[in-house]
Amino acid sequence: MITKWEVTVSKGKKMPGGQEMELYLIKKIVEFNEGGVDVFVHEVKVRFSECDGLGHVNNAKYYTYMEEAREDIFRLFNPSLRLETWNLIIVSTRCDYLHQVGYAEILKVYTWIGRMGKSSFDVEHAIANERGEWVARGQGVMIGYDYNAQKSEPVPGEIARVLAEHREAPVGAPDLRSWASR
């Protein structure tokens, strides 16, 4: 496994209102799988409070793990993570639960980009435990969004190019389940 930090600065971009900004494209913790595929990786240690009365992680907590793992993508759009300049909205999420997870387990949330449109894209997640078993598979649909105008906006070209570098799933990641035929 290889990790790296990479920062690219673009100057001269205009924000709504005309002020100039510097855009910092940050790739933080990039893991290279077999074949050179890079994905974002976020590590989580399961807290006692995240487990329910049945002794395993409550289903809603997986969405929190995936949200935390999206921070690297949030920083591509909004390096400061300031809400005043926030320009993304999540419009759909889903999670398939594959294996139970218990207190104090260490999980890795692998994140990559699936489908890409003009203003929307799919953020794919696969969660593995310390034994390398896939415990969950999730997806979120995100949209570039102008909160002042209350409408979607295209993903900027520079950001789309960076997202496109993260299009392949990690080796062995499960597909999302299809429930249409059940």
N, C-alpha and C. Protein backbone atom coordinates (compact mmCIF):
# COMPACT_ATOMS: atom_id res chain seq x y z
N MET A 1 0.84 -1.17 0.00
CA MET A 1 0.00 0.00 0.00
C MET A 1 0.88 1.24 0.00
N ILE A 2 0.49 2.25 -0.76
CA ILE A 2 1.21 3.51 -0.84
C ILE A 2 0.23 4.62 -0.52
N THR A 3 0.65 5.57 0.29
CA THR A 3 -0.18 6.74 0.52
C THR A 3 0.59 7.97 0.11
N LYS A 4 -0.13 9.00 -0.27
CA LYS A 4 0.53 10.23 -0.68
C LYS A 4 -0.38 11.41 -0.44
N TRP A 5 0.22 12.59 -0.43
CA TRP A 5 -0.51 13.86 -0.37
C TRP A 5 -0.18 14.60 -1.65
N GLU A 6 -1.16 15.16 -2.27
CA GLU A 6 -0.93 15.94 -3.48
C GLU A 6 -1.83 17.17 -3.44
N VAL A 7 -1.24 18.34 -3.64
CA VAL A 7 -2.01 19.58 -3.63
C VAL A 7 -1.75 20.32 -4.93
N THR A 8 -2.82 20.72 -5.60
CA THR A 8 -2.72 21.50 -6.83
C THR A 8 -3.46 22.81 -6.59
N VAL A 9 -2.84 23.93 -6.94
CA VAL A 9 -3.45 25.24 -6.73
C VAL A 9 -3.79 25.87 -8.07
N SER A 10 -5.04 26.33 -8.19
CA SER A 10 -5.47 27.08 -9.36
C SER A 10 -5.89 28.47 -8.89
N LYS A 11 -5.37 29.50 -9.53
CA LYS A 11 -5.71 30.86 -9.13
C LYS A 11 -6.58 31.50 -10.20
N GLY A 12 -7.27 32.55 -9.80
CA GLY A 12 -8.02 33.34 -10.76
C GLY A 12 -9.45 32.89 -10.96
N LYS A 13 -9.93 31.91 -10.20
CA LYS A 13 -11.32 31.48 -10.32
C LYS A 13 -12.22 32.52 -9.68
N LYS A 14 -13.39 32.68 -10.23
CA LYS A 14 -14.36 33.64 -9.69
C LYS A 14 -15.47 32.89 -8.97
N MET A 15 -15.81 33.38 -7.78
CA MET A 15 -16.91 32.83 -7.01
C MET A 15 -18.14 33.66 -7.31
N PRO A 16 -19.36 33.16 -6.95
CA PRO A 16 -20.54 34.01 -7.08
C PRO A 16 -20.30 35.30 -6.32
N GLY A 17 -20.58 36.42 -6.91
CA GLY A 17 -20.30 37.71 -6.30
C GLY A 17 -19.03 38.33 -6.86
N GLY A 18 -18.25 37.56 -7.65
CA GLY A 18 -17.11 38.11 -8.35
C GLY A 18 -15.77 38.05 -7.63
N GLN A 19 -15.73 37.68 -6.34
CA GLN A 19 -14.44 37.66 -5.66
C GLN A 19 -13.58 36.53 -6.20
N GLU A 20 -12.26 36.81 -6.26
CA GLU A 20 -11.31 35.82 -6.76
C GLU A 20 -10.99 34.83 -5.66
N MET A 21 -10.75 33.60 -6.05
CA MET A 21 -10.41 32.58 -5.06
C MET A 21 -9.28 31.72 -5.59
N GLU A 22 -8.63 31.04 -4.66
CA GLU A 22 -7.66 30.01 -5.02
C GLU A 22 -8.33 28.67 -4.78
N LEU A 23 -8.22 27.78 -5.73
CA LEU A 23 -8.81 26.47 -5.62
C LEU A 23 -7.70 25.48 -5.30
N TYR A 24 -7.83 24.83 -4.16
CA TYR A 24 -6.85 23.83 -3.75
C TYR A 24 -7.46 22.46 -3.97
N LEU A 25 -6.90 21.72 -4.90
CA LEU A 25 -7.34 20.35 -5.12
C LEU A 25 -6.44 19.47 -4.26
N ILE A 26 -7.05 18.80 -3.30
CA ILE A 26 -6.29 18.01 -2.34
C ILE A 26 -6.66 16.55 -2.47
N LYS A 27 -5.66 15.71 -2.68
CA LYS A 27 -5.85 14.27 -2.62
C LYS A 27 -5.16 13.83 -1.35
N LYS A 28 -5.93 13.41 -0.38
CA LYS A 28 -5.39 13.01 0.91
C LYS A 28 -5.62 11.52 1.11
N ILE A 29 -4.61 10.81 1.49
CA ILE A 29 -4.66 9.38 1.72
C ILE A 29 -5.22 8.68 0.48
N VAL A 30 -4.39 8.49 -0.47
CA VAL A 30 -4.76 7.77 -1.68
C VAL A 30 -4.09 6.41 -1.61
N GLU A 31 -4.85 5.38 -1.74
CA GLU A 31 -4.30 4.03 -1.65
C GLU A 31 -4.25 3.42 -3.04
N PHE A 32 -3.13 2.83 -3.36
CA PHE A 32 -2.97 2.18 -4.66
C PHE A 32 -3.20 0.69 -4.49
N ASN A 33 -4.14 0.18 -5.24
CA ASN A 33 -4.44 -1.25 -5.26
C ASN A 33 -3.64 -1.89 -6.38
N GLU A 34 -3.81 -3.19 -6.52
CA GLU A 34 -3.17 -3.90 -7.62
C GLU A 34 -3.56 -3.24 -8.93
N GLY A 35 -2.63 -3.08 -9.81
CA GLY A 35 -2.91 -2.48 -11.11
C GLY A 35 -2.86 -0.97 -11.09
N GLY A 36 -2.48 -0.35 -9.98
CA GLY A 36 -2.33 1.09 -9.94
C GLY A 36 -3.61 1.88 -9.75
N VAL A 37 -4.71 1.23 -9.38
CA VAL A 37 -5.97 1.94 -9.17
C VAL A 37 -5.90 2.69 -7.85
N ASP A 38 -6.23 3.98 -7.88
CA ASP A 38 -6.20 4.73 -6.62
C ASP A 38 -7.61 5.09 -6.18
N VAL A 39 -7.84 4.92 -4.89
CA VAL A 39 -9.12 5.21 -4.26
C VAL A 39 -8.83 5.98 -2.97
N PHE A 40 -9.82 6.75 -2.52
CA PHE A 40 -9.70 7.41 -1.23
C PHE A 40 -9.96 6.37 -0.14
N VAL A 41 -9.22 6.45 0.96
CA VAL A 41 -9.40 5.50 2.05
C VAL A 41 -9.53 6.27 3.37
N HIS A 42 -10.55 5.90 4.14
CA HIS A 42 -10.79 6.51 5.45
C HIS A 42 -10.90 5.38 6.47
N GLU A 43 -10.14 5.48 7.55
CA GLU A 43 -10.16 4.44 8.58
C GLU A 43 -11.05 4.86 9.74
N VAL A 44 -11.81 3.89 10.25
CA VAL A 44 -12.75 4.12 11.34
C VAL A 44 -12.55 3.05 12.40
N LYS A 45 -12.54 3.45 13.67
CA LYS A 45 -12.59 2.48 14.77
C LYS A 45 -13.99 2.56 15.35
N VAL A 46 -14.68 1.43 15.38
CA VAL A 46 -16.07 1.40 15.84
C VAL A 46 -16.13 1.75 17.33
N ARG A 47 -16.94 2.75 17.64
CA ARG A 47 -17.13 3.20 19.02
C ARG A 47 -18.23 2.36 19.69
N PHE A 48 -18.16 2.26 21.00
CA PHE A 48 -19.17 1.52 21.76
C PHE A 48 -20.56 2.09 21.51
N SER A 49 -20.66 3.41 21.44
CA SER A 49 -21.96 4.08 21.26
C SER A 49 -22.58 3.81 19.89
N GLU A 50 -21.82 3.28 18.94
CA GLU A 50 -22.33 3.00 17.60
C GLU A 50 -22.98 1.62 17.49
N CYS A 51 -22.86 0.85 18.57
CA CYS A 51 -23.44 -0.49 18.57
C CYS A 51 -24.82 -0.45 19.23
N ASP A 52 -25.73 -1.25 18.72
CA ASP A 52 -27.08 -1.27 19.26
C ASP A 52 -27.27 -2.42 20.24
N GLY A 53 -28.49 -2.64 20.67
CA GLY A 53 -28.80 -3.67 21.66
C GLY A 53 -28.50 -5.08 21.20
N LEU A 54 -28.32 -5.27 19.91
CA LEU A 54 -27.98 -6.60 19.38
C LEU A 54 -26.48 -6.83 19.33
N GLY A 55 -25.69 -5.80 19.73
CA GLY A 55 -24.24 -5.94 19.83
C GLY A 55 -23.47 -5.64 18.56
N HIS A 56 -24.16 -5.25 17.51
CA HIS A 56 -23.45 -4.91 16.28
C HIS A 56 -23.69 -3.43 15.94
N VAL A 57 -22.93 -2.93 14.97
CA VAL A 57 -23.05 -1.53 14.57
C VAL A 57 -24.47 -1.30 14.04
N ASN A 58 -25.09 -0.25 14.54
CA ASN A 58 -26.43 0.12 14.08
C ASN A 58 -26.38 0.50 12.61
N ASN A 59 -27.39 0.13 11.86
CA ASN A 59 -27.40 0.35 10.41
C ASN A 59 -27.19 1.82 10.03
N ALA A 60 -27.71 2.76 10.79
CA ALA A 60 -27.58 4.18 10.44
C ALA A 60 -26.13 4.67 10.52
N LYS A 61 -25.30 4.02 11.31
CA LYS A 61 -23.92 4.47 11.48
C LYS A 61 -23.09 4.28 10.22
N TYR A 62 -23.45 3.32 9.38
CA TYR A 62 -22.72 3.12 8.13
C TYR A 62 -22.80 4.38 7.26
N TYR A 63 -23.94 5.06 7.32
CA TYR A 63 -24.08 6.31 6.56
C TYR A 63 -23.14 7.38 7.10
N THR A 64 -22.93 7.39 8.41
CA THR A 64 -21.97 8.33 9.00
C THR A 64 -20.56 7.99 8.54
N TYR A 65 -20.20 6.71 8.53
CA TYR A 65 -18.87 6.31 8.06
C TYR A 65 -18.65 6.76 6.62
N MET A 66 -19.66 6.58 5.78
CA MET A 66 -19.53 6.97 4.38
C MET A 66 -19.46 8.49 4.23
N GLU A 67 -20.22 9.22 5.04
CA GLU A 67 -20.16 10.68 5.00
C GLU A 67 -18.76 11.16 5.39
N GLU A 68 -18.20 10.60 6.45
CA GLU A 68 -16.84 10.97 6.86
C GLU A 68 -15.85 10.69 5.74
N ALA A 69 -16.03 9.58 5.05
CA ALA A 69 -15.11 9.21 3.97
C ALA A 69 -15.22 10.15 2.78
N ARG A 70 -16.34 10.85 2.64
CA ARG A 70 -16.51 11.79 1.52
C ARG A 70 -15.79 13.11 1.74
N GLU A 71 -15.19 13.32 2.89
CA GLU A 71 -14.52 14.60 3.17
C GLU A 71 -13.48 14.94 2.10
N ASP A 72 -12.74 13.96 1.63
CA ASP A 72 -11.75 14.23 0.59
C ASP A 72 -12.41 14.79 -0.66
N ILE A 73 -13.57 14.28 -0.99
CA ILE A 73 -14.31 14.79 -2.15
C ILE A 73 -14.87 16.17 -1.84
N PHE A 74 -15.38 16.37 -0.63
CA PHE A 74 -15.86 17.70 -0.24
C PHE A 74 -14.76 18.75 -0.41
N ARG A 75 -13.53 18.38 -0.04
CA ARG A 75 -12.41 19.33 -0.13
C ARG A 75 -12.04 19.67 -1.57
N LEU A 76 -12.32 18.79 -2.50
CA LEU A 76 -12.07 19.13 -3.90
C LEU A 76 -12.94 20.32 -4.31
N PHE A 77 -14.17 20.34 -3.84
CA PHE A 77 -15.13 21.39 -4.18
C PHE A 77 -15.00 22.60 -3.27
N ASN A 78 -14.66 22.36 -2.02
CA ASN A 78 -14.67 23.42 -1.02
C ASN A 78 -13.52 23.17 -0.04
N PRO A 79 -12.30 23.57 -0.41
CA PRO A 79 -11.11 23.23 0.40
C PRO A 79 -11.20 23.63 1.87
N SER A 80 -11.86 24.74 2.17
CA SER A 80 -11.94 25.20 3.55
C SER A 80 -13.03 24.49 4.34
N LEU A 81 -13.93 23.79 3.65
CA LEU A 81 -15.10 23.16 4.25
C LEU A 81 -16.02 24.17 4.94
N ARG A 82 -15.92 25.43 4.56
CA ARG A 82 -16.77 26.48 5.14
C ARG A 82 -18.17 26.39 4.54
N LEU A 83 -19.16 26.42 5.40
CA LEU A 83 -20.54 26.30 4.93
C LEU A 83 -20.97 27.50 4.08
N GLU A 84 -20.34 28.66 4.29
CA GLU A 84 -20.70 29.86 3.52
C GLU A 84 -20.41 29.69 2.04
N THR A 85 -19.49 28.80 1.70
CA THR A 85 -19.13 28.59 0.29
C THR A 85 -19.44 27.16 -0.17
N TRP A 86 -20.28 26.46 0.59
CA TRP A 86 -20.58 25.07 0.27
C TRP A 86 -21.28 24.99 -1.07
N ASN A 87 -20.89 24.01 -1.89
CA ASN A 87 -21.41 23.94 -3.25
C ASN A 87 -21.73 22.51 -3.70
N LEU A 88 -22.10 21.68 -2.74
CA LEU A 88 -22.51 20.30 -3.03
C LEU A 88 -23.76 19.96 -2.25
N ILE A 89 -24.54 19.06 -2.79
CA ILE A 89 -25.68 18.54 -2.04
C ILE A 89 -25.80 17.06 -2.38
N ILE A 90 -26.16 16.26 -1.38
CA ILE A 90 -26.35 14.83 -1.63
C ILE A 90 -27.84 14.60 -1.81
N VAL A 91 -28.20 13.89 -2.87
CA VAL A 91 -29.62 13.73 -3.20
C VAL A 91 -30.11 12.30 -3.03
N SER A 92 -29.19 11.36 -2.86
CA SER A 92 -29.61 9.97 -2.69
C SER A 92 -28.48 9.19 -2.03
N THR A 93 -28.85 8.27 -1.14
CA THR A 93 -27.87 7.37 -0.53
C THR A 93 -28.47 5.98 -0.42
N ARG A 94 -27.60 5.00 -0.39
CA ARG A 94 -28.03 3.62 -0.15
C ARG A 94 -26.88 2.84 0.45
N CYS A 95 -27.22 1.73 1.12
CA CYS A 95 -26.21 0.89 1.73
C CYS A 95 -26.70 -0.55 1.76
N ASP A 96 -25.85 -1.45 1.32
CA ASP A 96 -26.09 -2.88 1.42
C ASP A 96 -25.22 -3.40 2.57
N TYR A 97 -25.83 -4.10 3.51
CA TYR A 97 -25.12 -4.64 4.67
C TYR A 97 -24.74 -6.08 4.37
N LEU A 98 -23.45 -6.39 4.44
CA LEU A 98 -22.96 -7.70 4.03
C LEU A 98 -22.57 -8.59 5.20
N HIS A 99 -21.97 -7.99 6.25
CA HIS A 99 -21.57 -8.74 7.44
C HIS A 99 -21.71 -7.83 8.66
N GLN A 100 -22.00 -8.45 9.80
CA GLN A 100 -22.10 -7.67 11.03
C GLN A 100 -20.72 -7.18 11.46
N VAL A 101 -20.71 -6.03 12.14
CA VAL A 101 -19.49 -5.43 12.66
C VAL A 101 -19.73 -5.11 14.13
N GLY A 102 -18.71 -5.34 14.97
CA GLY A 102 -18.86 -5.11 16.40
C GLY A 102 -17.93 -4.03 16.94
N TYR A 103 -18.09 -3.79 18.22
CA TYR A 103 -17.32 -2.78 18.94
C TYR A 103 -15.82 -2.99 18.76
N ALA A 104 -15.10 -1.88 18.59
CA ALA A 104 -13.64 -1.77 18.52
C ALA A 104 -13.03 -2.35 17.24
N GLU A 105 -13.85 -2.79 16.30
CA GLU A 105 -13.29 -3.24 15.03
C GLU A 105 -12.76 -2.03 14.26
N ILE A 106 -11.71 -2.26 13.50
CA ILE A 106 -11.14 -1.22 12.63
C ILE A 106 -11.68 -1.47 11.22
N LEU A 107 -12.26 -0.44 10.64
CA LEU A 107 -12.82 -0.54 9.30
C LEU A 107 -12.10 0.42 8.36
N LYS A 108 -12.02 0.04 7.10
CA LYS A 108 -11.54 0.94 6.05
C LYS A 108 -12.69 1.19 5.09
N VAL A 109 -12.96 2.48 4.88
CA VAL A 109 -13.99 2.87 3.92
C VAL A 109 -13.27 3.30 2.65
N TYR A 110 -13.43 2.52 1.60
CA TYR A 110 -12.83 2.82 0.29
C TYR A 110 -13.85 3.62 -0.51
N THR A 111 -13.40 4.72 -1.10
CA THR A 111 -14.30 5.62 -1.83
C THR A 111 -13.74 5.89 -3.21
N TRP A 112 -14.62 5.81 -4.21
CA TRP A 112 -14.25 6.10 -5.59
C TRP A 112 -15.45 6.70 -6.30
N ILE A 113 -15.25 7.14 -7.50
CA ILE A 113 -16.31 7.79 -8.27
C ILE A 113 -16.86 6.81 -9.30
N GLY A 114 -18.17 6.70 -9.35
CA GLY A 114 -18.85 5.87 -10.35
C GLY A 114 -19.26 6.72 -11.53
N ARG A 115 -20.53 6.77 -11.79
CA ARG A 115 -21.09 7.53 -12.91
C ARG A 115 -20.79 9.02 -12.72
N MET A 116 -20.47 9.68 -13.83
CA MET A 116 -20.26 11.13 -13.81
C MET A 116 -21.13 11.78 -14.87
N GLY A 117 -21.90 12.78 -14.45
CA GLY A 117 -22.71 13.56 -15.38
C GLY A 117 -22.18 14.98 -15.40
N LYS A 118 -22.95 15.87 -15.99
CA LYS A 118 -22.54 17.27 -16.09
C LYS A 118 -22.52 17.96 -14.71
N SER A 119 -23.57 17.73 -13.92
CA SER A 119 -23.63 18.35 -12.61
C SER A 119 -23.72 17.34 -11.47
N SER A 120 -23.87 16.07 -11.77
CA SER A 120 -24.00 15.06 -10.73
C SER A 120 -22.98 13.94 -10.93
N PHE A 121 -22.74 13.21 -9.86
CA PHE A 121 -21.84 12.07 -9.92
C PHE A 121 -22.16 11.13 -8.77
N ASP A 122 -21.83 9.87 -8.96
CA ASP A 122 -22.04 8.85 -7.93
C ASP A 122 -20.75 8.66 -7.15
N VAL A 123 -20.87 8.71 -5.84
CA VAL A 123 -19.75 8.41 -4.95
C VAL A 123 -19.98 6.99 -4.43
N GLU A 124 -19.06 6.11 -4.75
CA GLU A 124 -19.17 4.70 -4.39
C GLU A 124 -18.34 4.42 -3.14
N HIS A 125 -18.86 3.54 -2.29
CA HIS A 125 -18.15 3.16 -1.05
C HIS A 125 -18.18 1.65 -0.89
N ALA A 126 -17.09 1.10 -0.40
CA ALA A 126 -17.04 -0.29 0.05
C ALA A 126 -16.29 -0.28 1.38
N ILE A 127 -16.83 -0.97 2.36
CA ILE A 127 -16.25 -0.97 3.70
C ILE A 127 -15.74 -2.37 4.01
N ALA A 128 -14.47 -2.44 4.45
CA ALA A 128 -13.85 -3.72 4.79
C ALA A 128 -13.40 -3.72 6.25
N ASN A 129 -13.43 -4.90 6.87
CA ASN A 129 -12.92 -5.02 8.23
C ASN A 129 -11.43 -5.35 8.20
N GLU A 130 -10.85 -5.54 9.38
CA GLU A 130 -9.41 -5.80 9.48
C GLU A 130 -8.99 -7.11 8.81
N ARG A 131 -9.92 -8.02 8.68
CA ARG A 131 -9.61 -9.31 8.05
C ARG A 131 -9.74 -9.24 6.53
N GLY A 132 -10.08 -8.05 6.01
CA GLY A 132 -10.21 -7.87 4.57
C GLY A 132 -11.55 -8.31 4.02
N GLU A 133 -12.51 -8.60 4.91
CA GLU A 133 -13.85 -8.99 4.47
C GLU A 133 -14.68 -7.74 4.19
N TRP A 134 -15.41 -7.76 3.11
CA TRP A 134 -16.30 -6.64 2.78
C TRP A 134 -17.52 -6.72 3.69
N VAL A 135 -17.78 -5.66 4.45
CA VAL A 135 -18.89 -5.67 5.41
C VAL A 135 -20.07 -4.81 4.94
N ALA A 136 -19.83 -3.88 4.02
CA ALA A 136 -20.92 -3.03 3.52
C ALA A 136 -20.51 -2.46 2.17
N ARG A 137 -21.53 -2.10 1.39
CA ARG A 137 -21.32 -1.47 0.08
C ARG A 137 -22.35 -0.36 -0.05
N GLY A 138 -21.90 0.84 -0.34
CA GLY A 138 -22.82 1.97 -0.39
C GLY A 138 -22.59 2.88 -1.57
N GLN A 139 -23.50 3.83 -1.70
CA GLN A 139 -23.42 4.79 -2.79
C GLN A 139 -24.16 6.05 -2.39
N GLY A 140 -23.63 7.19 -2.82
CA GLY A 140 -24.31 8.46 -2.67
C GLY A 140 -24.29 9.19 -4.00
N VAL A 141 -25.37 9.86 -4.32
CA VAL A 141 -25.42 10.68 -5.53
C VAL A 141 -25.28 12.13 -5.09
N MET A 142 -24.27 12.81 -5.63
CA MET A 142 -24.00 14.20 -5.27
C MET A 142 -24.21 15.10 -6.48
N ILE A 143 -24.57 16.34 -6.19
CA ILE A 143 -24.81 17.33 -7.24
C ILE A 143 -24.05 18.60 -6.88
N GLY A 144 -23.37 19.19 -7.88
CA GLY A 144 -22.85 20.53 -7.71
C GLY A 144 -24.06 21.44 -7.52
N TYR A 145 -24.03 22.30 -6.49
CA TYR A 145 -25.25 23.03 -6.13
C TYR A 145 -24.94 24.46 -5.72
N ASP A 146 -25.73 25.38 -6.24
CA ASP A 146 -25.66 26.79 -5.89
C ASP A 146 -26.78 27.05 -4.88
N TYR A 147 -26.42 27.21 -3.62
CA TYR A 147 -27.42 27.38 -2.57
C TYR A 147 -28.13 28.73 -2.66
N ASN A 148 -27.46 29.76 -3.16
CA ASN A 148 -28.13 31.06 -3.33
C ASN A 148 -29.23 30.98 -4.39
N ALA A 149 -28.93 30.36 -5.51
CA ALA A 149 -29.90 30.24 -6.60
C ALA A 149 -30.83 29.04 -6.40
N GLN A 150 -30.48 28.15 -5.45
CA GLN A 150 -31.27 26.94 -5.19
C GLN A 150 -31.42 26.08 -6.44
N LYS A 151 -30.29 25.86 -7.13
CA LYS A 151 -30.33 25.01 -8.32
C LYS A 151 -28.98 24.34 -8.52
N SER A 152 -29.00 23.27 -9.31
CA SER A 152 -27.76 22.55 -9.60
C SER A 152 -26.88 23.39 -10.50
N GLU A 153 -25.58 23.07 -10.45
CA GLU A 153 -24.62 23.74 -11.32
C GLU A 153 -23.62 22.70 -11.80
N PRO A 154 -23.01 22.92 -12.96
CA PRO A 154 -22.05 21.94 -13.48
C PRO A 154 -20.85 21.77 -12.55
N VAL A 155 -20.31 20.56 -12.52
CA VAL A 155 -19.07 20.30 -11.81
C VAL A 155 -17.96 21.00 -12.59
N PRO A 156 -17.17 21.87 -11.94
CA PRO A 156 -16.08 22.55 -12.67
C PRO A 156 -15.13 21.56 -13.34
N GLY A 157 -14.64 21.93 -14.51
CA GLY A 157 -13.80 21.04 -15.31
C GLY A 157 -12.59 20.49 -14.59
N GLU A 158 -11.89 21.34 -13.82
CA GLU A 158 -10.69 20.86 -13.09
C GLU A 158 -11.06 19.79 -12.07
N ILE A 159 -12.17 20.01 -11.39
CA ILE A 159 -12.61 19.04 -10.38
C ILE A 159 -13.07 17.76 -11.06
N ALA A 160 -13.79 17.88 -12.16
CA ALA A 160 -14.24 16.70 -12.91
C ALA A 160 -13.04 15.86 -13.34
N ARG A 161 -11.96 16.51 -13.74
CA ARG A 161 -10.76 15.77 -14.15
C ARG A 161 -10.16 15.00 -12.97
N VAL A 162 -10.13 15.63 -11.79
CA VAL A 162 -9.60 14.93 -10.62
C VAL A 162 -10.52 13.77 -10.24
N LEU A 163 -11.83 14.00 -10.26
CA LEU A 163 -12.77 12.93 -9.95
C LEU A 163 -12.58 11.75 -10.91
N ALA A 164 -12.35 12.06 -12.17
CA ALA A 164 -12.18 11.02 -13.18
C ALA A 164 -10.96 10.14 -12.92
N GLU A 165 -9.99 10.63 -12.16
CA GLU A 165 -8.82 9.83 -11.81
C GLU A 165 -9.14 8.74 -10.79
N HIS A 166 -10.34 8.81 -10.21
CA HIS A 166 -10.73 7.89 -9.14
C HIS A 166 -11.97 7.09 -9.54
N ARG A 167 -11.99 6.59 -10.76
CA ARG A 167 -13.19 5.94 -11.29
C ARG A 167 -13.23 4.42 -11.08
N GLU A 168 -12.11 3.82 -10.74
CA GLU A 168 -12.10 2.35 -10.62
C GLU A 168 -12.27 1.93 -9.16
N ALA A 169 -13.04 0.87 -8.98
CA ALA A 169 -13.27 0.31 -7.65
C ALA A 169 -12.02 -0.39 -7.14
N PRO A 170 -11.88 -0.51 -5.82
CA PRO A 170 -10.76 -1.30 -5.30
C PRO A 170 -10.91 -2.77 -5.71
N VAL A 171 -9.81 -3.45 -5.77
CA VAL A 171 -9.80 -4.85 -6.19
C VAL A 171 -10.70 -5.67 -5.26
N GLY A 172 -11.62 -6.41 -5.86
CA GLY A 172 -12.48 -7.31 -5.10
C GLY A 172 -13.70 -6.67 -4.47
N ALA A 173 -13.89 -5.36 -4.64
CA ALA A 173 -15.05 -4.71 -4.02
C ALA A 173 -16.34 -5.29 -4.60
N PRO A 174 -17.32 -5.55 -3.74
CA PRO A 174 -18.58 -6.13 -4.23
C PRO A 174 -19.41 -5.10 -5.00
N ASP A 175 -20.23 -5.59 -5.89
CA ASP A 175 -21.19 -4.72 -6.58
C ASP A 175 -22.34 -4.40 -5.63
N LEU A 176 -23.05 -3.32 -5.93
CA LEU A 176 -24.29 -3.05 -5.21
C LEU A 176 -25.30 -4.13 -5.55
N ARG A 177 -26.10 -4.49 -4.60
CA ARG A 177 -27.13 -5.51 -4.84
C ARG A 177 -28.26 -4.92 -5.68
N SER A 178 -28.84 -5.75 -6.50
CA SER A 178 -30.02 -5.36 -7.27
C SER A 178 -31.23 -6.04 -6.67
N TRP A 179 -32.18 -5.26 -6.25
CA TRP A 179 -33.37 -5.82 -5.59
C TRP A 179 -34.55 -5.89 -6.53
N ALA A 180 -34.37 -5.49 -7.79
CA ALA A 180 -35.49 -5.44 -8.73
C ALA A 180 -36.13 -6.80 -8.98
N SER A 181 -35.34 -7.85 -8.97
CA SER A 181 -35.88 -9.18 -9.31
C SER A 181 -36.34 -9.96 -8.08
N ARG A 182 -36.28 -9.37 -6.92
CA ARG A 182 -36.65 -10.11 -5.69
C ARG A 182 -38.08 -9.92 -5.31
